[in-house]
Amino acid sequence: DLHRRRHSFPTRRSSDLETDMKYILALDPDRLLVPYLREAGIASKSNSYSNWENTGLDGHIGGHYLSALSEMYAATGNEQIKERLDYMLNSLEQCQQKNGNGYIGGVPGSKPLWDAIAQGKIEAGSFSLNDKWVPWYNIHKVYAGLIDAYILTENEKAKKMLIQFSDWCINLTANLSEEQIQQMLRSEHGGMNEVFADVAAITGDKKYLKLAEKFSHKVILDPLLNNTDSLNGLHANTQIPKVIGFMRVAEVSGDKEWANAATFFWNTVVNNRTISIGGNSVREHFNPATDFSSMIESREGPETCNSYNMLKLSKHLFLSDPSSKYMDYYERTTYNHIL
């Protein structure tokens, strides 16, 4: 179960893979590391990238980069990719050690933000938390990158850093009530429950499973447990990672009700909310299941983000229940939306 992400890849490289590798190596790791070094109080060698990397979502691309490097090394065994991954991990480890509490992140103003959260001072909107741009969503990418580095490349340093980072979160939220945490989860937070379920599986320590359950958004989970579709108007890609997390918790804990909730979500999204290409939603939000007119009227239709995460959920559900419907959806969406 733990190593389902490891794959056997053909040694022959496709042109797509070569293009991807060229792009990955064209990125400057020193620029991606700037936000983490800044928040740790360490001088950097370069300037950060612009746009989302210096306007509030600083550092999230670095987390994605760990995943990309890990996937590419697992696929190719390319030593230049491995050197780049080691460089990123070594630099992030330096930041973690300098922070002194296990934290790794590039969120602007990290220390006062997390200090306030730990004290229960929480103001959450759909895309903000204490006036910061989705900080949990941001650092989720680092958690996911460390998991990929460990699972896909067997990097023990990544595992050690991941556990320390998870312990930081346990300590951060130790004095928060369930109500405070649920209020905090109103802010988009990626798949935080999924990563902590992964850490529970990696370590065998149930304290991380409890943390995963704590980071599961009940406003989304409870209707699904009752087989109720309450998705209209919600930001679609905020919800799908939460449901992947529900399923991952179910895999680790054996909770069939949570697994059923994830299955119900998949069924209602795929059967009632998905068009021929495999995508869903309009302008990033779930349109009414009975009215797809906005899909035709808007220039902003389904996002590949949504489809990617629905494919990820499909994989989990297929491994639990190998039904052809999951593979049919996976094939259709891969060829007609992702590619």
Protein backbone atom coordinates (compact mmCIF):
# COMPACT_ATOMS: atom_id res chain seq x y z
CA ASP A 1 0.00 0.00 0.00
CA LEU A 2 2.77 2.41 0.97
CA HIS A 3 4.70 1.97 -2.22
CA ARG A 4 1.87 2.04 -4.72
CA ARG A 5 3.37 5.21 -6.13
CA ARG A 6 6.52 3.37 -7.18
CA HIS A 7 6.27 2.30 -10.76
CA SER A 8 8.29 0.39 -13.31
CA PHE A 9 8.91 2.71 -16.22
CA PRO A 10 10.20 1.78 -19.68
CA THR A 11 13.79 2.90 -20.24
CA ARG A 12 12.97 4.38 -23.64
CA ARG A 13 12.17 8.07 -23.27
CA SER A 14 9.31 9.72 -25.04
CA SER A 15 9.57 13.18 -26.56
CA ASP A 16 7.10 14.39 -23.93
CA LEU A 17 9.32 13.10 -21.14
CA GLU A 18 12.37 14.76 -22.68
CA THR A 19 10.49 18.04 -22.98
CA ASP A 20 9.41 17.77 -19.35
CA MET A 21 12.96 17.05 -18.20
CA LYS A 22 14.30 20.00 -20.18
CA TYR A 23 11.76 22.28 -18.50
CA ILE A 24 12.48 20.92 -15.01
CA LEU A 25 16.21 21.49 -15.44
CA ALA A 26 15.62 24.98 -16.86
CA LEU A 27 14.14 26.08 -13.54
CA ASP A 28 16.61 27.68 -11.14
CA PRO A 29 16.56 25.95 -7.74
CA ASP A 30 18.20 28.94 -6.05
CA ARG A 31 15.30 31.15 -7.14
CA LEU A 32 12.75 28.59 -5.95
CA LEU A 33 14.50 28.39 -2.56
CA VAL A 34 14.45 32.14 -1.89
CA PRO A 35 11.12 32.19 0.06
CA TYR A 36 12.18 29.37 2.39
CA LEU A 37 15.56 30.93 3.07
CA ARG A 38 13.97 34.34 3.67
CA GLU A 39 11.53 32.95 6.25
CA ALA A 40 14.36 31.06 7.99
CA GLY A 41 16.54 34.18 8.09
CA ILE A 42 19.19 32.79 5.74
CA ALA A 43 20.77 34.81 2.94
CA SER A 44 19.87 33.60 -0.52
CA LYS A 45 21.95 33.39 -3.68
CA SER A 46 19.35 34.84 -6.03
CA ASN A 47 16.02 36.63 -6.38
CA SER A 48 12.74 34.74 -6.23
CA TYR A 49 10.57 34.08 -9.23
CA SER A 50 7.76 36.58 -9.75
CA ASN A 51 3.97 36.31 -10.02
CA TRP A 52 2.61 33.79 -7.48
CA GLU A 53 6.11 33.24 -6.11
CA ASN A 54 6.46 36.78 -4.76
CA THR A 55 2.88 37.99 -4.26
CA GLY A 56 1.76 35.83 -1.35
CA LEU A 57 1.91 32.22 -2.46
CA ASP A 58 5.69 32.22 -2.15
CA GLY A 59 7.29 28.77 -1.94
CA HIS A 60 4.50 26.58 -3.22
CA ILE A 61 6.27 25.93 -6.52
CA GLY A 62 9.28 24.62 -4.59
CA GLY A 63 7.06 21.91 -3.15
CA HIS A 64 5.76 21.01 -6.61
CA TYR A 65 9.38 20.95 -7.77
CA LEU A 66 10.28 18.26 -5.22
CA SER A 67 7.47 16.11 -6.61
CA ALA A 68 8.49 16.75 -10.22
CA LEU A 69 12.12 15.87 -9.55
CA SER A 70 11.12 12.73 -7.65
CA GLU A 71 8.78 11.55 -10.40
CA MET A 72 11.38 12.27 -13.09
CA TYR A 73 14.17 10.46 -11.24
CA ALA A 74 11.92 7.45 -10.63
CA ALA A 75 11.07 7.42 -14.34
CA THR A 76 14.58 7.89 -15.74
CA GLY A 77 17.30 7.40 -13.12
CA ASN A 78 18.91 10.57 -14.50
CA GLU A 79 21.77 11.61 -12.22
CA GLN A 80 21.42 15.32 -12.97
CA ILE A 81 17.84 15.15 -11.72
CA LYS A 82 19.01 13.29 -8.61
CA GLU A 83 21.65 15.98 -7.94
CA ARG A 84 18.99 18.67 -8.28
CA LEU A 85 16.68 16.84 -5.84
CA ASP A 86 19.50 16.42 -3.33
CA TYR A 87 20.34 20.12 -3.61
CA MET A 88 16.75 21.12 -2.92
CA LEU A 89 16.45 18.76 0.05
CA ASN A 90 19.78 19.84 1.54
CA SER A 91 18.80 23.50 1.29
CA LEU A 92 15.33 22.91 2.77
CA GLU A 93 16.90 20.89 5.58
CA GLN A 94 19.10 23.90 6.34
CA CYS A 95 15.97 26.04 6.58
CA GLN A 96 14.25 23.53 8.82
CA GLN A 97 17.22 23.38 11.16
CA LYS A 98 17.49 27.17 11.30
CA ASN A 99 13.76 27.48 12.05
CA GLY A 100 14.36 25.13 14.96
CA ASN A 101 10.80 23.81 15.25
CA GLY A 102 10.44 21.54 12.22
CA TYR A 103 8.78 24.13 9.98
CA ILE A 104 9.62 24.46 6.27
CA GLY A 105 7.76 27.11 4.33
CA GLY A 106 7.94 30.24 2.24
CA VAL A 107 4.68 31.85 3.39
CA PRO A 108 5.44 35.58 3.83
CA GLY A 109 5.49 36.44 7.52
CA SER A 110 5.47 32.77 8.51
CA LYS A 111 6.46 33.17 12.16
CA PRO A 112 3.82 35.70 13.25
CA LEU A 113 1.18 33.87 11.18
CA TRP A 114 1.74 30.47 12.78
CA ASP A 115 2.24 31.98 16.24
CA ALA A 116 -1.20 33.56 15.95
CA ILE A 117 -2.76 30.31 14.74
CA ALA A 118 -1.23 28.40 17.66
CA GLN A 119 -2.83 30.93 20.03
CA GLY A 120 -6.25 30.36 18.45
CA LYS A 121 -6.37 33.69 16.63
CA ILE A 122 -8.06 32.52 13.43
CA GLU A 123 -9.77 34.51 10.70
CA ALA A 124 -10.49 32.29 7.72
CA GLY A 125 -12.00 32.99 4.33
CA SER A 126 -12.22 30.67 1.33
CA PHE A 127 -8.81 31.75 0.04
CA SER A 128 -7.26 33.49 3.03
CA LEU A 129 -6.18 32.74 6.57
CA ASN A 130 -5.30 35.64 8.86
CA ASP A 131 -4.90 37.83 5.75
CA LYS A 132 -2.44 35.39 4.15
CA TRP A 133 -3.05 33.65 0.84
CA VAL A 134 -4.04 30.00 1.60
CA PRO A 135 -0.98 29.15 3.71
CA TRP A 136 -2.02 25.53 4.35
CA TYR A 137 -2.52 24.99 0.61
CA ASN A 138 0.95 26.48 0.14
CA ILE A 139 2.88 24.28 2.57
CA HIS A 140 0.84 21.22 1.60
CA LYS A 141 2.95 21.19 -1.58
CA VAL A 142 6.11 20.86 0.53
CA TYR A 143 4.61 17.99 2.54
CA ALA A 144 3.58 16.24 -0.67
CA GLY A 145 7.01 16.83 -2.21
CA LEU A 146 8.79 15.29 0.77
CA ILE A 147 6.48 12.27 0.63
CA ASP A 148 7.18 11.82 -3.07
CA ALA A 149 10.93 12.15 -2.49
CA TYR A 150 10.77 9.38 0.11
CA ILE A 151 8.29 7.04 -1.57
CA LEU A 152 9.62 7.38 -5.12
CA THR A 153 13.37 7.69 -4.48
CA GLU A 154 13.78 6.14 -1.00
CA ASN A 155 15.43 9.31 0.25
CA GLU A 156 15.78 8.89 4.02
CA LYS A 157 16.56 12.57 4.55
CA ALA A 158 13.17 13.46 3.04
CA LYS A 159 11.49 11.03 5.46
CA LYS A 160 13.24 12.57 8.46
CA MET A 161 12.32 16.10 7.36
CA LEU A 162 8.73 15.02 6.73
CA ILE A 163 8.32 13.59 10.22
CA GLN A 164 9.79 16.71 11.83
CA PHE A 165 7.51 18.91 9.73
CA SER A 166 4.49 16.80 10.76
CA ASP A 167 5.47 17.07 14.42
CA TRP A 168 5.58 20.84 13.97
CA CYS A 169 1.94 20.72 12.93
CA ILE A 170 0.98 18.52 15.88
CA ASN A 171 2.57 21.03 18.25
CA LEU A 172 1.06 24.00 16.41
CA THR A 173 -2.51 22.71 16.73
CA ALA A 174 -2.18 21.02 20.14
CA ASN A 175 -4.22 23.64 22.01
CA LEU A 176 -6.81 24.33 19.33
CA SER A 177 -10.36 23.10 19.79
CA GLU A 178 -12.13 21.09 17.11
CA GLU A 179 -14.27 24.15 16.40
CA GLN A 180 -11.19 26.33 15.86
CA ILE A 181 -9.61 23.80 13.52
CA GLN A 182 -12.81 23.43 11.51
CA GLN A 183 -13.01 27.22 11.26
CA MET A 184 -9.41 27.24 9.99
CA LEU A 185 -10.26 24.59 7.38
CA ARG A 186 -12.67 27.02 5.70
CA SER A 187 -9.51 28.30 4.01
CA GLU A 188 -8.36 26.20 1.04
CA HIS A 189 -5.82 23.74 2.44
CA GLY A 190 -5.09 21.23 -0.32
CA GLY A 191 -4.80 17.62 0.83
CA MET A 192 -3.46 18.14 4.34
CA ASN A 193 -5.49 15.18 5.62
CA GLU A 194 -4.06 12.98 2.88
CA VAL A 195 -0.43 13.79 3.69
CA PHE A 196 -0.87 13.07 7.39
CA ALA A 197 -2.54 9.74 6.55
CA ASP A 198 0.51 9.04 4.39
CA VAL A 199 2.80 9.89 7.30
CA ALA A 200 0.80 7.54 9.52
CA ALA A 201 1.34 4.77 6.96
CA ILE A 202 5.04 5.58 6.62
CA THR A 203 5.72 5.64 10.36
CA GLY A 204 3.07 3.29 11.71
CA ASP A 205 2.29 5.94 14.34
CA LYS A 206 -1.42 6.56 14.87
CA LYS A 207 -0.86 10.10 16.16
CA TYR A 208 -0.50 11.18 12.54
CA LEU A 209 -3.74 9.41 11.62
CA LYS A 210 -5.47 11.41 14.37
CA LEU A 211 -3.95 14.54 12.86
CA ALA A 212 -5.29 13.53 9.43
CA GLU A 213 -8.77 13.11 10.89
CA LYS A 214 -8.44 16.46 12.66
CA PHE A 215 -7.62 18.12 9.31
CA SER A 216 -10.68 16.63 7.58
CA HIS A 217 -13.27 19.32 6.82
CA LYS A 218 -16.58 18.22 8.33
CA VAL A 219 -18.66 20.68 6.27
CA ILE A 220 -17.71 18.58 3.22
CA LEU A 221 -17.44 15.17 4.91
CA ASP A 222 -20.74 15.08 6.82
CA PRO A 223 -23.09 15.47 3.82
CA LEU A 224 -21.09 12.83 1.92
CA LEU A 225 -21.43 10.42 4.85
CA ASN A 226 -25.19 10.86 4.44
CA ASN A 227 -25.05 10.41 0.64
CA THR A 228 -26.05 14.05 0.14
CA ASP A 229 -24.80 16.20 -2.74
CA SER A 230 -24.22 19.69 -1.31
CA LEU A 231 -21.62 20.77 -3.85
CA ASN A 232 -23.44 23.46 -5.85
CA GLY A 233 -21.53 26.73 -5.88
CA LEU A 234 -18.46 25.39 -4.06
CA HIS A 235 -14.94 25.97 -5.39
CA ALA A 236 -14.46 22.61 -7.04
CA ASN A 237 -10.73 22.01 -6.74
CA THR A 238 -10.73 23.01 -3.08
CA GLN A 239 -13.00 20.05 -2.33
CA ILE A 240 -11.53 17.20 -4.39
CA PRO A 241 -8.22 16.99 -2.47
CA LYS A 242 -10.20 16.84 0.80
CA VAL A 243 -12.07 13.80 -0.53
CA ILE A 244 -8.84 12.12 -1.64
CA GLY A 245 -7.82 12.63 1.98
CA PHE A 246 -11.05 11.05 3.26
CA MET A 247 -10.26 7.99 1.14
CA ARG A 248 -6.62 7.91 2.24
CA VAL A 249 -7.70 8.04 5.90
CA ALA A 250 -10.10 5.17 5.16
CA GLU A 251 -7.28 3.14 3.59
CA VAL A 252 -5.03 3.58 6.61
CA SER A 253 -7.72 3.25 9.30
CA GLY A 254 -10.08 0.77 7.63
CA ASP A 255 -13.05 3.14 8.08
CA LYS A 256 -15.62 1.95 5.54
CA GLU A 257 -17.95 4.91 6.12
CA TRP A 258 -15.28 7.38 5.02
CA ALA A 259 -14.52 5.18 2.01
CA ASN A 260 -18.22 5.17 1.14
CA ALA A 261 -18.28 8.97 1.43
CA ALA A 262 -15.42 9.22 -1.08
CA THR A 263 -17.19 6.78 -3.40
CA PHE A 264 -20.43 8.76 -3.21
CA PHE A 265 -18.53 11.95 -4.08
CA TRP A 266 -16.94 10.27 -7.10
CA ASN A 267 -20.28 8.93 -8.29
CA THR A 268 -22.10 12.26 -8.03
CA VAL A 269 -19.28 14.25 -9.65
CA VAL A 270 -18.64 11.79 -12.49
CA ASN A 271 -22.25 10.78 -13.18
CA ASN A 272 -24.03 14.09 -12.53
CA ARG A 273 -21.46 16.86 -12.91
CA THR A 274 -19.00 15.79 -15.62
CA ILE A 275 -19.05 16.50 -19.36
CA SER A 276 -17.72 14.36 -22.21
CA ILE A 277 -14.05 15.35 -21.83
CA GLY A 278 -14.06 14.18 -18.20
CA GLY A 279 -13.91 17.66 -16.67
CA ASN A 280 -16.32 19.33 -14.28
CA SER A 281 -17.33 22.81 -13.02
CA VAL A 282 -17.35 26.35 -14.47
CA ARG A 283 -15.03 29.19 -13.47
CA GLU A 284 -13.54 26.84 -10.86
CA HIS A 285 -16.92 26.30 -9.14
CA PHE A 286 -19.44 23.46 -9.28
CA ASN A 287 -22.38 24.53 -11.41
CA PRO A 288 -25.85 23.14 -10.56
CA ALA A 289 -26.04 19.48 -11.50
CA THR A 290 -29.33 20.21 -13.27
CA ASP A 291 -28.14 23.24 -15.24
CA PHE A 292 -25.05 23.16 -17.46
CA SER A 293 -25.91 26.34 -19.38
CA SER A 294 -23.00 28.23 -17.77
CA MET A 295 -20.65 25.61 -19.23
CA ILE A 296 -21.64 26.85 -22.70
CA GLU A 297 -21.89 30.54 -21.86
CA SER A 298 -18.60 30.94 -20.00
CA ARG A 299 -15.15 30.93 -21.58
CA GLU A 300 -13.81 29.33 -18.38
CA GLY A 301 -14.88 25.71 -18.28
CA PRO A 302 -13.41 22.73 -16.43
CA GLU A 303 -9.90 23.07 -15.00
CA THR A 304 -7.27 20.40 -15.54
CA CYS A 305 -6.56 20.78 -11.78
CA ASN A 306 -9.98 19.28 -11.09
CA SER A 307 -9.48 16.48 -13.59
CA TYR A 308 -6.02 15.66 -12.25
CA ASN A 309 -7.39 15.31 -8.74
CA MET A 310 -10.39 13.29 -9.92
CA LEU A 311 -7.96 10.91 -11.62
CA LYS A 312 -6.04 10.63 -8.38
CA LEU A 313 -9.25 9.84 -6.49
CA SER A 314 -10.21 7.31 -9.17
CA LYS A 315 -6.91 5.51 -8.67
CA HIS A 316 -7.49 5.16 -4.93
CA LEU A 317 -11.04 3.92 -5.46
CA PHE A 318 -9.96 1.45 -8.16
CA LEU A 319 -7.27 -0.03 -5.92
CA SER A 320 -9.95 -0.54 -3.27
CA ASP A 321 -12.63 -1.78 -5.70
CA PRO A 322 -11.26 -2.64 -9.17
CA SER A 323 -14.34 -1.68 -11.14
CA SER A 324 -14.09 -0.92 -14.86
CA LYS A 325 -16.01 2.34 -14.36
CA TYR A 326 -12.98 3.89 -12.69
CA MET A 327 -10.70 2.87 -15.56
CA ASP A 328 -13.21 4.05 -18.16
CA TYR A 329 -13.31 7.47 -16.54
CA TYR A 330 -9.52 7.51 -16.12
CA GLU A 331 -8.93 6.75 -19.80
CA ARG A 332 -11.52 9.21 -21.07
CA THR A 333 -10.27 12.07 -18.90
CA THR A 334 -6.58 11.41 -19.51
CA TYR A 335 -6.92 11.49 -23.29
CA ASN A 336 -9.63 14.15 -23.62
CA HIS A 337 -8.67 16.68 -20.95
CA ILE A 338 -5.24 16.15 -19.40
CA LEU A 339 -3.34 15.40 -22.61
